[in-house]
Protein backbone atom coordinates (compact mmCIF):
# COMPACT_ATOMS: atom_id res chain seq x y z
CA MET A 1 34.88 7.17 8.57
CA PRO A 2 35.73 3.41 7.49
CA ASP A 3 34.45 2.06 4.30
CA SER A 4 31.56 0.11 6.32
CA PRO A 5 30.18 2.77 8.82
CA THR A 6 27.90 1.16 11.57
CA ALA A 7 24.54 1.87 11.14
CA GLN A 8 24.68 4.54 13.80
CA GLU A 9 27.60 6.11 12.09
CA LEU A 10 25.65 6.46 8.48
CA PHE A 11 22.68 7.52 10.62
CA ASP A 12 24.46 10.29 12.09
CA GLU A 13 26.03 11.45 8.62
CA LEU A 14 22.51 11.23 6.97
CA ALA A 15 21.08 12.90 9.93
CA ALA A 16 23.24 15.93 9.40
CA GLU A 17 22.49 16.39 6.24
CA GLN A 18 18.67 15.99 6.62
CA LEU A 19 19.56 18.55 9.97
CA ALA A 20 20.14 21.33 7.38
CA ARG A 21 16.51 21.54 6.67
CA PRO A 22 15.06 23.94 9.35
CA ASP A 23 12.00 21.64 10.22
CA ILE A 24 13.88 18.70 11.15
CA SER A 25 15.24 18.28 14.64
CA ARG A 26 16.72 15.58 16.60
CA GLY A 27 14.82 14.06 19.25
CA LYS A 28 14.41 10.53 21.10
CA MET A 29 12.40 7.47 20.25
CA LEU A 30 12.28 4.21 22.01
CA GLN A 31 15.79 5.36 23.66
CA SER A 32 17.30 6.42 20.70
CA ASP A 33 18.19 9.23 19.19
CA SER A 34 15.68 10.15 16.03
CA LEU A 35 15.11 12.49 12.98
CA ARG A 36 11.75 14.69 13.79
CA LEU A 37 9.94 16.35 11.41
CA ASN A 38 7.49 19.11 13.10
CA GLY A 39 8.16 17.59 15.96
CA LYS A 40 6.80 13.88 14.93
CA SER A 41 9.59 11.40 14.46
CA PHE A 42 10.12 9.82 11.62
CA ALA A 43 13.05 7.88 11.74
CA PHE A 44 15.77 6.12 14.15
CA VAL A 45 18.36 3.47 14.20
CA SER A 46 18.53 0.53 16.86
CA LYS A 47 20.63 -2.91 16.92
CA GLU A 48 22.21 -1.97 13.36
CA ARG A 49 18.72 -0.96 11.88
CA LEU A 50 17.14 1.79 10.22
CA PHE A 51 13.49 2.14 11.15
CA LEU A 52 11.34 4.85 9.44
CA LYS A 53 7.61 5.94 9.30
CA VAL A 54 6.49 5.34 6.12
CA PRO A 55 3.06 4.94 4.41
CA ALA A 56 1.97 0.86 4.91
CA ALA A 57 1.84 0.10 1.27
CA ARG A 58 5.25 1.14 1.25
CA VAL A 59 5.84 -0.95 4.34
CA ASN A 60 4.40 -3.89 2.50
CA GLU A 61 6.42 -3.32 -0.65
CA LEU A 62 9.78 -2.98 0.84
CA VAL A 63 9.03 -6.19 2.61
CA GLY A 64 8.01 -8.10 -0.41
CA LEU A 65 11.05 -6.70 -1.96
CA GLY A 66 12.85 -8.25 0.74
CA GLU A 67 14.60 -5.02 1.76
CA GLY A 68 12.92 -4.37 4.63
CA GLU A 69 11.02 -6.13 7.48
CA ASN A 70 8.10 -5.50 9.39
CA CYS A 71 8.08 -3.47 12.54
CA GLU A 72 7.43 -5.11 15.88
CA LEU A 73 7.50 -3.36 19.38
CA GLY A 74 6.42 -5.03 22.23
CA GLY A 75 4.47 -7.67 20.16
CA ARG A 76 2.67 -5.58 18.18
CA ARG A 77 2.85 -4.95 14.48
CA MET A 78 3.55 -1.35 13.69
CA ARG A 79 1.82 -0.66 10.26
CA GLU A 80 3.55 2.36 9.02
CA TRP A 81 6.79 1.51 10.43
CA VAL A 82 9.36 -0.37 8.27
CA VAL A 83 13.01 -1.95 9.47
CA VAL A 84 15.92 -1.37 7.12
CA PRO A 85 18.87 -4.00 8.33
CA ALA A 86 22.26 -2.28 7.73
CA THR A 87 24.23 -4.54 5.18
CA GLY A 88 27.61 -2.97 5.65
CA SER A 89 27.87 -2.01 1.61
CA PRO A 90 28.39 1.37 0.50
CA GLU A 91 24.92 0.89 -1.32
CA ASP A 92 23.44 1.61 2.20
CA ARG A 93 24.28 5.03 2.43
CA THR A 94 22.31 5.80 -1.05
CA ARG A 95 19.54 3.51 -0.31
CA TRP A 96 18.92 5.12 3.44
CA ARG A 97 19.73 8.53 2.00
CA ALA A 98 16.49 7.73 -0.17
CA LEU A 99 14.44 6.39 2.20
CA LEU A 100 15.15 9.09 4.81
CA ALA A 101 14.03 11.17 2.36
CA GLU A 102 10.82 9.32 1.30
CA SER A 103 10.03 9.20 5.54
CA ALA A 104 10.54 13.07 5.51
CA ALA A 105 8.31 13.93 2.61
CA PHE A 106 5.58 11.32 4.01
CA ILE A 107 5.70 12.66 7.79
CA ALA A 108 5.35 16.43 5.71
CA THR A 109 1.76 15.20 4.38
CA LEU A 110 1.01 14.15 8.25
CA THR A 111 2.08 17.50 10.18
CA ASP A 112 1.41 20.00 7.26
CA PRO A 113 -1.57 22.03 7.83
CA ALA A 114 -2.68 22.54 4.27
CA HIS A 115 -3.17 18.85 4.01
CA LYS A 116 -5.21 18.03 7.15
CA PRO A 117 -8.90 17.35 6.78
CA HIS A 118 -11.05 20.44 8.39
């Protein structure tokens, strides 16, 4: 793989690591391959950008730090989705790996029956 993989190549590499977990699978979201935990999509790549589902406060933090952008789909801001552009730097791999893990952990809290209100 070249030193600067495309966003899709990087996503595929990191997705393979995530797919080692039995509760994570591939799916589709907005015509892109996505990662799903317990059937709920939490990450996908489109147009050299990584889309991640994280808590709204984390979206605001990443946007405020200049590390991400608000996600707008169909003219509507998705408050729990952040867009992280690929920079082409070696740091993308480390940063995206951590963000994927963070996103999966967030989805786990949403899909785990033990965390659902009764």
